[in-house]
Amino acid sequence: MTTENIKVKRAGVPGYVMARALGDLQPSAQSLSAIRTRLSFLLNLQSSESASLVKAGKEFVPFIENCPSVTKTHPEILSGVFDKPEFERD
């Protein structure tokens, strides 16, 4: 008996529809697992840790938006160990 032949209803949904939906979820679950593996360097911060971070409010937006152009016109203001390509990507 194949899943297409199952006529059992669960919550008003035919069994074959449920089976197909669950089958469609399997590749998605595998993809999510792969993403989690590749992004394993990310971590969750505790509320006390996130509270200690500097937060850029609306008043800092113009400053933040000007940073890339200033670093290009005045590269001498950055330390030699500053990762300019990484900064530009961010």
Protein backbone atom coordinates (compact mmCIF):
# COMPACT_ATOMS: atom_id res chain seq x y z
CA MET A 1 0.00 0.00 0.00
CA THR A 2 1.51 3.34 -1.04
CA THR A 3 1.02 6.66 0.69
CA GLU A 4 -1.15 7.80 -2.21
CA ASN A 5 -3.65 5.03 -1.41
CA ILE A 6 -3.99 5.92 2.28
CA LYS A 7 -7.32 7.63 2.86
CA VAL A 8 -6.99 8.15 6.61
CA LYS A 9 -7.83 11.70 7.58
CA ARG A 10 -5.98 13.62 10.27
CA ALA A 11 -7.43 16.94 11.28
CA GLY A 12 -9.50 16.93 8.09
CA VAL A 13 -6.49 16.34 5.81
CA PRO A 14 -6.31 13.11 3.79
CA GLY A 15 -3.41 10.82 4.69
CA TYR A 16 -1.85 10.97 1.22
CA VAL A 17 -1.71 14.77 1.45
CA MET A 18 -0.06 14.56 4.88
CA ALA A 19 2.44 11.98 3.59
CA ARG A 20 3.37 14.15 0.63
CA ALA A 21 3.73 17.25 2.81
CA LEU A 22 5.94 15.40 5.25
CA GLY A 23 8.00 14.03 2.36
CA ASP A 24 8.43 17.57 1.03
CA LEU A 25 9.66 18.71 4.43
CA GLN A 26 12.54 16.23 4.55
CA PRO A 27 14.78 18.06 2.04
CA SER A 28 14.03 21.34 3.81
CA ALA A 29 15.02 19.87 7.16
CA GLN A 30 18.26 18.59 5.64
CA SER A 31 18.96 22.03 4.16
CA LEU A 32 18.38 23.70 7.52
CA SER A 33 20.71 21.22 9.15
CA ALA A 34 23.40 22.02 6.56
CA ILE A 35 22.94 25.75 7.18
CA ARG A 36 23.28 25.29 10.93
CA THR A 37 26.48 23.31 10.36
CA ARG A 38 27.98 25.98 8.11
CA LEU A 39 27.01 28.75 10.52
CA SER A 40 28.28 26.96 13.60
CA PHE A 41 30.48 29.96 14.44
CA LEU A 42 27.36 31.94 15.36
CA LEU A 43 26.33 31.90 18.97
CA ASN A 44 23.44 33.03 21.11
CA LEU A 45 24.17 35.80 23.57
CA GLN A 46 22.77 35.81 27.06
CA SER A 47 20.70 38.89 27.89
CA SER A 48 23.47 40.15 30.19
CA GLU A 49 25.99 39.83 27.32
CA SER A 50 23.79 41.63 24.79
CA ALA A 51 23.07 44.40 27.31
CA SER A 52 26.80 45.15 27.47
CA LEU A 53 27.07 45.75 23.71
CA VAL A 54 27.01 49.26 22.28
CA LYS A 55 23.78 49.93 20.47
CA ALA A 56 23.72 52.37 17.58
CA GLY A 57 20.53 54.40 17.76
CA LYS A 58 19.00 56.66 15.13
CA GLU A 59 21.35 59.49 16.00
CA PHE A 60 24.37 57.39 14.92
CA VAL A 61 22.98 56.36 11.50
CA PRO A 62 24.51 59.30 9.57
CA PHE A 63 27.89 58.65 11.21
CA ILE A 64 27.76 54.93 10.39
CA GLU A 65 26.71 55.61 6.80
CA ASN A 66 29.66 58.01 6.32
CA CYS A 67 32.31 55.65 7.69
CA PRO A 68 33.03 53.78 4.41
CA SER A 69 33.54 56.98 2.40
CA VAL A 70 35.74 58.53 5.10
CA THR A 71 37.95 55.44 5.27
CA LYS A 72 38.43 55.60 1.50
CA THR A 73 39.28 59.30 1.41
CA HIS A 74 41.41 59.21 4.59
CA PRO A 75 42.92 55.71 4.89
CA GLU A 76 45.56 57.00 7.31
CA ILE A 77 43.01 57.15 10.14
CA LEU A 78 42.80 53.36 10.30
CA SER A 79 45.26 51.12 12.08
CA GLY A 80 47.48 48.95 9.90
CA VAL A 81 45.90 45.82 11.37
CA PHE A 82 42.36 47.00 10.54
CA ASP A 83 40.73 44.67 8.00
CA LYS A 84 39.57 47.17 5.36
CA PRO A 85 38.13 44.62 2.87
CA GLU A 86 36.06 43.04 5.67
CA PHE A 87 34.86 46.47 6.77
CA GLU A 88 33.79 47.32 3.22
CA ARG A 89 31.86 44.04 2.93
CA ASP A 90 30.01 44.77 6.16
